[in-house]
Amino acid sequence: MKIIFTYTAYLIIAIILFACSTQTDPLPQEFYGLKIAKKLIGKDTKDYVDRLHFNEVAPDENEIGFYSGDLGTAVIYITYYNNSESALREYLKMTKNISPNNSPFVRSEFIILNNNRVYRTYGMGQVHFVFVKADMLIWLSEDPAIGSKFVEEYLKYLK
């Protein structure tokens, strides 16, 4: 009886560890020919985002990955929320506030990429894509030369 209990306990632990290890890291070390050059987490990330906006806008739980390679550069900003509804609410609020009248962004529009509603805008020499995946609000900025293929592959990767 003790052997069966021990075996069952090990099996349960192995299943839990396997399930945890198969989760996709939203900031992979290498992606689409670009390697992560720098990663910010915690307070450093919040401070960085707040400085970008000249105002305190970032919630506490964020990550940023700065990528570079032969194709160019990309930055992935991730904000985590308690649930998908909160992430969607903040996404809608953010995209509503981005307008040519009060920001450096132009030609903003909602598009569909890989069955995902994505907000695309241009500004500061980059193409920007904003979208929600589960409890994450993601802002992806990339060099225009990379094209939309990077974000399309990233959306597939996150599934």
N, C-alpha and C. Protein backbone atom coordinates (compact mmCIF):
# COMPACT_ATOMS: atom_id res chain seq x y z
N MET A 1 0.82 -1.19 0.00
CA MET A 1 0.00 0.00 0.00
C MET A 1 0.86 1.26 0.00
N LYS A 2 1.92 1.24 0.81
CA LYS A 2 2.82 2.39 0.90
C LYS A 2 3.51 2.62 -0.44
N ILE A 3 3.90 1.55 -1.15
CA ILE A 3 4.56 1.67 -2.44
C ILE A 3 3.62 2.32 -3.46
N ILE A 4 2.36 1.94 -3.47
CA ILE A 4 1.38 2.51 -4.40
C ILE A 4 1.20 3.99 -4.10
N PHE A 5 1.09 4.37 -2.83
CA PHE A 5 0.94 5.77 -2.45
C PHE A 5 2.15 6.58 -2.90
N THR A 6 3.35 6.05 -2.66
CA THR A 6 4.57 6.75 -3.05
C THR A 6 4.64 6.91 -4.56
N TYR A 7 4.31 5.85 -5.30
CA TYR A 7 4.31 5.90 -6.76
C TYR A 7 3.30 6.94 -7.25
N THR A 8 2.12 6.95 -6.67
CA THR A 8 1.08 7.91 -7.05
C THR A 8 1.53 9.33 -6.76
N ALA A 9 2.14 9.55 -5.62
CA ALA A 9 2.63 10.89 -5.26
C ALA A 9 3.69 11.35 -6.27
N TYR A 10 4.61 10.49 -6.62
CA TYR A 10 5.64 10.85 -7.62
C TYR A 10 5.01 11.15 -8.98
N LEU A 11 4.01 10.37 -9.36
CA LEU A 11 3.34 10.57 -10.64
C LEU A 11 2.64 11.93 -10.66
N ILE A 12 1.97 12.27 -9.59
CA ILE A 12 1.29 13.58 -9.51
C ILE A 12 2.29 14.71 -9.58
N ILE A 13 3.39 14.61 -8.87
CA ILE A 13 4.44 15.64 -8.91
C ILE A 13 5.01 15.77 -10.31
N ALA A 14 5.25 14.64 -10.98
CA ALA A 14 5.80 14.68 -12.34
C ALA A 14 4.82 15.36 -13.30
N ILE A 15 3.54 15.07 -13.17
CA ILE A 15 2.54 15.70 -14.03
C ILE A 15 2.51 17.20 -13.80
N ILE A 16 2.55 17.64 -12.56
CA ILE A 16 2.54 19.07 -12.24
C ILE A 16 3.78 19.75 -12.81
N LEU A 17 4.93 19.15 -12.64
CA LEU A 17 6.16 19.73 -13.16
C LEU A 17 6.14 19.79 -14.68
N PHE A 18 5.63 18.75 -15.33
CA PHE A 18 5.54 18.75 -16.78
C PHE A 18 4.60 19.84 -17.26
N ALA A 19 3.46 19.99 -16.60
CA ALA A 19 2.49 21.02 -16.99
C ALA A 19 3.10 22.41 -16.85
N CYS A 20 3.84 22.64 -15.79
CA CYS A 20 4.47 23.94 -15.59
C CYS A 20 5.56 24.20 -16.61
N SER A 21 6.28 23.18 -16.99
CA SER A 21 7.40 23.37 -17.91
C SER A 21 6.96 23.58 -19.34
N THR A 22 5.71 23.23 -19.68
CA THR A 22 5.27 23.38 -21.05
C THR A 22 4.61 24.73 -21.31
N GLN A 23 4.51 25.57 -20.31
CA GLN A 23 3.95 26.90 -20.53
C GLN A 23 4.92 27.70 -21.39
N THR A 24 4.36 28.46 -22.30
CA THR A 24 5.15 29.26 -23.21
C THR A 24 5.69 30.49 -22.50
N ASP A 25 6.98 30.72 -22.60
CA ASP A 25 7.59 31.93 -22.05
C ASP A 25 7.26 33.07 -23.01
N PRO A 26 6.53 34.09 -22.56
CA PRO A 26 6.15 35.17 -23.47
C PRO A 26 7.33 36.01 -23.95
N LEU A 27 8.49 35.85 -23.33
CA LEU A 27 9.71 36.53 -23.78
C LEU A 27 10.80 35.48 -24.02
N PRO A 28 10.71 34.79 -25.16
CA PRO A 28 11.71 33.74 -25.43
C PRO A 28 13.10 34.34 -25.64
N GLN A 29 14.12 33.55 -25.41
CA GLN A 29 15.50 34.02 -25.59
C GLN A 29 15.81 34.36 -27.04
N GLU A 30 15.17 33.65 -27.94
CA GLU A 30 15.38 33.89 -29.38
C GLU A 30 14.06 33.67 -30.08
N PHE A 31 13.76 34.55 -31.03
CA PHE A 31 12.51 34.41 -31.75
C PHE A 31 12.60 35.08 -33.11
N TYR A 32 12.21 34.36 -34.14
CA TYR A 32 12.13 34.86 -35.51
C TYR A 32 13.46 35.50 -35.96
N GLY A 33 14.55 34.89 -35.58
CA GLY A 33 15.86 35.38 -35.98
C GLY A 33 16.39 36.52 -35.12
N LEU A 34 15.64 36.92 -34.11
CA LEU A 34 16.10 37.97 -33.20
C LEU A 34 16.40 37.36 -31.84
N LYS A 35 17.43 37.86 -31.20
CA LYS A 35 17.80 37.37 -29.87
C LYS A 35 17.51 38.46 -28.84
N ILE A 36 17.14 38.01 -27.66
CA ILE A 36 16.86 38.97 -26.60
C ILE A 36 18.19 39.59 -26.15
N ALA A 37 18.27 40.90 -26.22
CA ALA A 37 19.49 41.61 -25.84
C ALA A 37 19.40 42.09 -24.40
N LYS A 38 18.17 42.35 -23.94
CA LYS A 38 17.97 42.86 -22.59
C LYS A 38 16.54 42.53 -22.17
N LYS A 39 16.39 42.24 -20.90
CA LYS A 39 15.07 41.93 -20.36
C LYS A 39 14.89 42.72 -19.07
N LEU A 40 13.77 43.40 -18.95
CA LEU A 40 13.44 44.12 -17.73
C LEU A 40 12.27 43.44 -17.05
N ILE A 41 12.33 43.33 -15.73
CA ILE A 41 11.22 42.78 -14.96
C ILE A 41 11.06 43.62 -13.70
N GLY A 42 9.92 43.47 -13.07
CA GLY A 42 9.68 44.12 -11.78
C GLY A 42 9.65 45.64 -11.85
N LYS A 43 10.20 46.26 -10.82
CA LYS A 43 10.17 47.71 -10.68
C LYS A 43 10.88 48.42 -11.82
N ASP A 44 11.95 47.82 -12.34
CA ASP A 44 12.67 48.43 -13.47
C ASP A 44 11.74 48.61 -14.67
N THR A 45 10.88 47.63 -14.90
CA THR A 45 9.96 47.69 -16.03
C THR A 45 8.93 48.78 -15.82
N LYS A 46 8.35 48.81 -14.63
CA LYS A 46 7.34 49.84 -14.32
C LYS A 46 7.94 51.22 -14.48
N ASP A 47 9.14 51.43 -13.94
CA ASP A 47 9.81 52.73 -14.06
C ASP A 47 10.07 53.10 -15.52
N TYR A 48 10.49 52.14 -16.31
CA TYR A 48 10.78 52.38 -17.73
C TYR A 48 9.52 52.83 -18.47
N VAL A 49 8.42 52.10 -18.28
CA VAL A 49 7.16 52.42 -18.96
C VAL A 49 6.63 53.77 -18.49
N ASP A 50 6.71 54.04 -17.20
CA ASP A 50 6.24 55.33 -16.69
C ASP A 50 7.06 56.49 -17.27
N ARG A 51 8.36 56.29 -17.42
CA ARG A 51 9.21 57.34 -18.03
C ARG A 51 8.83 57.57 -19.50
N LEU A 52 8.51 56.50 -20.22
CA LEU A 52 8.08 56.64 -21.62
C LEU A 52 6.84 57.52 -21.74
N HIS A 53 5.95 57.44 -20.75
CA HIS A 53 4.68 58.16 -20.79
C HIS A 53 4.72 59.48 -20.03
N PHE A 54 5.84 59.80 -19.42
CA PHE A 54 5.96 61.01 -18.60
C PHE A 54 4.88 61.06 -17.53
N ASN A 55 4.47 59.89 -17.07
CA ASN A 55 3.37 59.80 -16.12
C ASN A 55 3.35 58.39 -15.55
N GLU A 56 2.74 58.22 -14.41
CA GLU A 56 2.63 56.89 -13.82
C GLU A 56 1.43 56.17 -14.44
N VAL A 57 1.71 55.23 -15.34
CA VAL A 57 0.65 54.51 -16.05
C VAL A 57 0.75 53.00 -15.90
N ALA A 58 1.91 52.48 -15.60
CA ALA A 58 2.12 51.02 -15.61
C ALA A 58 1.69 50.38 -14.30
N PRO A 59 0.94 49.28 -14.39
CA PRO A 59 0.66 48.49 -13.19
C PRO A 59 1.96 47.86 -12.69
N ASP A 60 1.87 47.12 -11.62
CA ASP A 60 3.07 46.58 -10.99
C ASP A 60 3.72 45.42 -11.73
N GLU A 61 2.95 44.57 -12.39
CA GLU A 61 3.52 43.35 -12.97
C GLU A 61 3.70 43.48 -14.48
N ASN A 62 4.94 43.69 -14.90
CA ASN A 62 5.29 43.91 -16.30
C ASN A 62 6.61 43.23 -16.62
N GLU A 63 6.81 43.00 -17.92
CA GLU A 63 8.08 42.51 -18.45
C GLU A 63 8.32 43.19 -19.78
N ILE A 64 9.59 43.42 -20.09
CA ILE A 64 9.94 43.96 -21.40
C ILE A 64 11.12 43.16 -21.93
N GLY A 65 11.02 42.78 -23.20
CA GLY A 65 12.12 42.11 -23.89
C GLY A 65 12.57 42.96 -25.07
N PHE A 66 13.85 43.27 -25.12
CA PHE A 66 14.45 44.05 -26.21
C PHE A 66 15.19 43.05 -27.10
N TYR A 67 14.78 42.96 -28.36
CA TYR A 67 15.32 41.98 -29.29
C TYR A 67 16.10 42.67 -30.42
N SER A 68 17.13 41.99 -30.90
CA SER A 68 17.87 42.51 -32.05
C SER A 68 18.47 41.36 -32.84
N GLY A 69 18.73 41.66 -34.11
CA GLY A 69 19.31 40.66 -34.99
C GLY A 69 19.52 41.26 -36.37
N ASP A 70 19.87 40.42 -37.32
CA ASP A 70 20.12 40.90 -38.68
C ASP A 70 18.89 41.56 -39.31
N LEU A 71 17.70 41.09 -38.92
CA LEU A 71 16.47 41.66 -39.48
C LEU A 71 16.16 43.06 -38.96
N GLY A 72 16.64 43.37 -37.76
CA GLY A 72 16.35 44.66 -37.13
C GLY A 72 16.14 44.49 -35.65
N THR A 73 15.25 45.32 -35.09
CA THR A 73 14.99 45.27 -33.66
C THR A 73 13.49 45.19 -33.40
N ALA A 74 13.16 44.67 -32.23
CA ALA A 74 11.78 44.61 -31.78
C ALA A 74 11.78 44.69 -30.26
N VAL A 75 10.69 45.22 -29.70
CA VAL A 75 10.52 45.29 -28.26
C VAL A 75 9.14 44.72 -27.94
N ILE A 76 9.10 43.84 -26.95
CA ILE A 76 7.83 43.27 -26.51
C ILE A 76 7.59 43.72 -25.07
N TYR A 77 6.51 44.49 -24.89
CA TYR A 77 6.09 44.96 -23.58
C TYR A 77 4.91 44.11 -23.14
N ILE A 78 4.98 43.53 -21.95
CA ILE A 78 3.90 42.70 -21.45
C ILE A 78 3.45 43.21 -20.10
N THR A 79 2.16 43.41 -19.95
CA THR A 79 1.57 43.75 -18.66
C THR A 79 0.62 42.63 -18.28
N TYR A 80 0.76 42.15 -17.06
CA TYR A 80 -0.07 41.05 -16.57
C TYR A 80 -1.21 41.61 -15.71
N TYR A 81 -2.39 41.05 -15.91
CA TYR A 81 -3.56 41.43 -15.13
C TYR A 81 -4.09 40.21 -14.40
N ASN A 82 -5.01 40.42 -13.47
CA ASN A 82 -5.57 39.32 -12.69
C ASN A 82 -6.41 38.36 -13.53
N ASN A 83 -6.97 38.87 -14.63
CA ASN A 83 -7.82 38.02 -15.47
C ASN A 83 -7.90 38.62 -16.88
N SER A 84 -8.47 37.85 -17.79
CA SER A 84 -8.56 38.30 -19.18
C SER A 84 -9.50 39.48 -19.36
N GLU A 85 -10.53 39.58 -18.52
CA GLU A 85 -11.45 40.71 -18.62
C GLU A 85 -10.75 42.02 -18.29
N SER A 86 -9.92 42.03 -17.28
CA SER A 86 -9.16 43.24 -16.93
C SER A 86 -8.19 43.61 -18.04
N ALA A 87 -7.53 42.61 -18.61
CA ALA A 87 -6.59 42.87 -19.71
C ALA A 87 -7.34 43.47 -20.91
N LEU A 88 -8.50 42.92 -21.23
CA LEU A 88 -9.29 43.43 -22.36
C LEU A 88 -9.77 44.85 -22.08
N ARG A 89 -10.22 45.12 -20.88
CA ARG A 89 -10.68 46.46 -20.50
C ARG A 89 -9.56 47.49 -20.67
N GLU A 90 -8.36 47.14 -20.23
CA GLU A 90 -7.23 48.06 -20.35
C GLU A 90 -6.79 48.22 -21.81
N TYR A 91 -6.89 47.17 -22.57
CA TYR A 91 -6.59 47.21 -24.01
C TYR A 91 -7.52 48.20 -24.72
N LEU A 92 -8.80 48.09 -24.43
CA LEU A 92 -9.77 48.99 -25.06
C LEU A 92 -9.54 50.44 -24.63
N LYS A 93 -9.22 50.63 -23.37
CA LYS A 93 -8.95 51.98 -22.87
C LYS A 93 -7.68 52.55 -23.52
N MET A 94 -6.65 51.72 -23.62
CA MET A 94 -5.39 52.16 -24.22
C MET A 94 -5.57 52.53 -25.69
N THR A 95 -6.22 51.66 -26.44
CA THR A 95 -6.36 51.92 -27.87
C THR A 95 -7.26 53.13 -28.14
N LYS A 96 -8.20 53.38 -27.25
CA LYS A 96 -9.06 54.57 -27.39
C LYS A 96 -8.24 55.85 -27.16
N ASN A 97 -7.29 55.79 -26.25
CA ASN A 97 -6.49 56.98 -25.92
C ASN A 97 -5.41 57.29 -26.95
N ILE A 98 -5.09 56.32 -27.81
CA ILE A 98 -4.09 56.56 -28.84
C ILE A 98 -4.79 57.22 -30.02
N SER A 99 -4.48 58.45 -30.23
CA SER A 99 -5.07 59.14 -31.38
C SER A 99 -4.07 60.16 -31.89
N PRO A 100 -4.20 60.54 -33.15
CA PRO A 100 -3.26 61.52 -33.71
C PRO A 100 -3.28 62.86 -32.98
N ASN A 101 -4.36 63.16 -32.28
CA ASN A 101 -4.46 64.45 -31.59
C ASN A 101 -3.61 64.55 -30.34
N ASN A 102 -3.33 63.42 -29.71
CA ASN A 102 -2.59 63.50 -28.45
C ASN A 102 -1.44 62.50 -28.34
N SER A 103 -0.96 61.99 -29.47
CA SER A 103 0.14 61.04 -29.40
C SER A 103 0.97 61.10 -30.68
N PRO A 104 2.13 60.48 -30.66
CA PRO A 104 2.99 60.47 -31.85
C PRO A 104 2.62 59.38 -32.86
N PHE A 105 1.45 58.77 -32.71
CA PHE A 105 1.06 57.64 -33.56
C PHE A 105 0.11 58.08 -34.66
N VAL A 106 0.24 57.44 -35.82
CA VAL A 106 -0.61 57.75 -36.97
C VAL A 106 -1.11 56.46 -37.61
N ARG A 107 -2.11 56.60 -38.48
CA ARG A 107 -2.67 55.48 -39.24
C ARG A 107 -3.03 54.29 -38.35
N SER A 108 -3.64 54.58 -37.24
CA SER A 108 -4.03 53.53 -36.29
C SER A 108 -5.29 52.83 -36.76
N GLU A 109 -5.30 51.49 -36.61
CA GLU A 109 -6.47 50.72 -37.01
C GLU A 109 -6.45 49.35 -36.35
N PHE A 110 -7.64 48.76 -36.25
CA PHE A 110 -7.76 47.38 -35.79
C PHE A 110 -7.68 46.47 -37.01
N ILE A 111 -6.89 45.43 -36.88
CA ILE A 111 -6.75 44.44 -37.94
C ILE A 111 -6.91 43.04 -37.34
N ILE A 112 -7.08 42.06 -38.18
CA ILE A 112 -7.14 40.67 -37.72
C ILE A 112 -5.88 39.96 -38.20
N LEU A 113 -5.13 39.41 -37.25
CA LEU A 113 -3.94 38.61 -37.54
C LEU A 113 -4.09 37.27 -36.83
N ASN A 114 -4.03 36.19 -37.56
CA ASN A 114 -4.16 34.84 -36.97
C ASN A 114 -5.38 34.74 -36.06
N ASN A 115 -6.49 35.26 -36.52
CA ASN A 115 -7.75 35.23 -35.76
C ASN A 115 -7.69 36.02 -34.45
N ASN A 116 -6.81 36.98 -34.35
CA ASN A 116 -6.69 37.84 -33.19
C ASN A 116 -6.96 39.28 -33.60
N ARG A 117 -7.71 39.99 -32.78
CA ARG A 117 -7.94 41.42 -33.02
C ARG A 117 -6.72 42.17 -32.50
N VAL A 118 -6.05 42.83 -33.42
CA VAL A 118 -4.79 43.52 -33.12
C VAL A 118 -4.93 44.98 -33.51
N TYR A 119 -4.45 45.84 -32.65
CA TYR A 119 -4.43 47.27 -32.95
C TYR A 119 -3.05 47.59 -33.51
N ARG A 120 -3.02 48.12 -34.73
CA ARG A 120 -1.74 48.46 -35.37
C ARG A 120 -1.66 49.98 -35.53
N THR A 121 -0.49 50.51 -35.25
CA THR A 121 -0.27 51.93 -35.42
C THR A 121 1.20 52.16 -35.77
N TYR A 122 1.48 53.34 -36.27
CA TYR A 122 2.83 53.68 -36.70
C TYR A 122 3.28 54.93 -35.95
N GLY A 123 4.57 54.96 -35.63
CA GLY A 123 5.11 56.15 -34.98
C GLY A 123 6.50 55.91 -34.43
N MET A 124 7.25 56.97 -34.29
CA MET A 124 8.60 56.93 -33.74
C MET A 124 9.49 55.95 -34.50
N GLY A 125 9.25 55.85 -35.82
CA GLY A 125 10.08 55.01 -36.68
C GLY A 125 9.79 53.53 -36.59
N GLN A 126 8.70 53.15 -35.94
CA GLN A 126 8.38 51.74 -35.77
C GLN A 126 6.92 51.47 -36.10
N VAL A 127 6.63 50.18 -36.26
CA VAL A 127 5.26 49.70 -36.35
C VAL A 127 4.94 49.09 -34.99
N HIS A 128 3.75 49.39 -34.48
CA HIS A 128 3.35 48.94 -33.15
C HIS A 128 2.09 48.08 -33.26
N PHE A 129 2.08 46.98 -32.52
CA PHE A 129 0.93 46.08 -32.49
C PHE A 129 0.54 45.90 -31.02
N VAL A 130 -0.74 46.07 -30.74
CA VAL A 130 -1.23 45.92 -29.37
C VAL A 130 -2.34 44.87 -29.39
N PHE A 131 -2.27 43.93 -28.45
CA PHE A 131 -3.28 42.87 -28.41
C PHE A 131 -3.31 42.24 -27.03
N VAL A 132 -4.34 41.43 -26.81
CA VAL A 132 -4.53 40.73 -25.54
C VAL A 132 -4.40 39.24 -25.78
N LYS A 133 -3.68 38.57 -24.91
CA LYS A 133 -3.61 37.11 -24.89
C LYS A 133 -3.82 36.68 -23.45
N ALA A 134 -4.94 36.03 -23.19
CA ALA A 134 -5.30 35.59 -21.84
C ALA A 134 -5.29 36.80 -20.90
N ASP A 135 -4.47 36.76 -19.86
CA ASP A 135 -4.43 37.86 -18.89
C ASP A 135 -3.30 38.86 -19.19
N MET A 136 -2.75 38.80 -20.40
CA MET A 136 -1.64 39.68 -20.77
C MET A 136 -2.08 40.72 -21.80
N LEU A 137 -1.67 41.96 -21.56
CA LEU A 137 -1.80 43.02 -22.56
C LEU A 137 -0.40 43.17 -23.15
N ILE A 138 -0.30 43.03 -24.46
CA ILE A 138 1.01 43.02 -25.11
C ILE A 138 1.10 44.16 -26.12
N TRP A 139 2.18 44.90 -26.02
CA TRP A 139 2.50 45.96 -26.98
C TRP A 139 3.82 45.53 -27.62
N LEU A 140 3.80 45.33 -28.92
CA LEU A 140 4.98 44.88 -29.64
C LEU A 140 5.38 45.97 -30.63
N SER A 141 6.59 46.46 -30.52
CA SER A 141 7.12 47.48 -31.43
C SER A 141 8.25 46.86 -32.23
N GLU A 142 8.27 47.15 -33.55
CA GLU A 142 9.31 46.56 -34.38
C GLU A 142 9.68 47.49 -35.52
N ASP A 143 10.86 47.26 -36.06
CA ASP A 143 11.28 48.01 -37.23
C ASP A 143 10.34 47.69 -38.39
N PRO A 144 10.00 48.70 -39.21
CA PRO A 144 9.09 48.45 -40.33
C PRO A 144 9.61 47.39 -41.31
N ALA A 145 10.92 47.25 -41.43
CA ALA A 145 11.49 46.27 -42.37
C ALA A 145 11.15 44.83 -41.99
N ILE A 146 10.87 44.58 -40.72
CA ILE A 146 10.53 43.23 -40.28
C ILE A 146 9.15 42.83 -40.81
N GLY A 147 8.27 43.79 -40.94
CA GLY A 147 6.93 43.51 -41.45
C GLY A 147 6.04 42.85 -40.41
N SER A 148 4.86 42.45 -40.81
CA SER A 148 3.92 41.87 -39.86
C SER A 148 4.19 40.40 -39.58
N LYS A 149 5.14 39.80 -40.28
CA LYS A 149 5.42 38.37 -40.08
C LYS A 149 5.89 38.07 -38.65
N PHE A 150 6.67 38.97 -38.06
CA PHE A 150 7.15 38.77 -36.69
C PHE A 150 5.97 38.64 -35.73
N VAL A 151 5.03 39.59 -35.79
CA VAL A 151 3.89 39.56 -34.87
C VAL A 151 2.97 38.38 -35.18
N GLU A 152 2.83 38.01 -36.45
CA GLU A 152 2.01 36.84 -36.79
C GLU A 152 2.60 35.57 -36.17
N GLU A 153 3.91 35.41 -36.29
CA GLU A 153 4.58 34.24 -35.71
C GLU A 153 4.52 34.28 -34.18
N TYR A 154 4.62 35.46 -33.62
CA TYR A 154 4.56 35.60 -32.16
C TYR A 154 3.17 35.20 -31.66
N LEU A 155 2.12 35.61 -32.36
CA LEU A 155 0.76 35.21 -31.98
C LEU A 155 0.60 33.68 -32.03
N LYS A 156 1.16 33.05 -33.05
CA LYS A 156 1.13 31.58 -33.13
C LYS A 156 1.88 30.96 -31.95
N TYR A 157 3.03 31.54 -31.66
CA TYR A 157 3.89 31.05 -30.56
C TYR A 157 3.16 31.09 -29.22
N LEU A 158 2.38 32.12 -28.98
CA LEU A 158 1.71 32.28 -27.68
C LEU A 158 0.53 31.33 -27.48
N LYS A 159 0.03 30.70 -28.53
CA LYS A 159 -1.16 29.84 -28.40
C LYS A 159 -0.94 28.71 -27.45
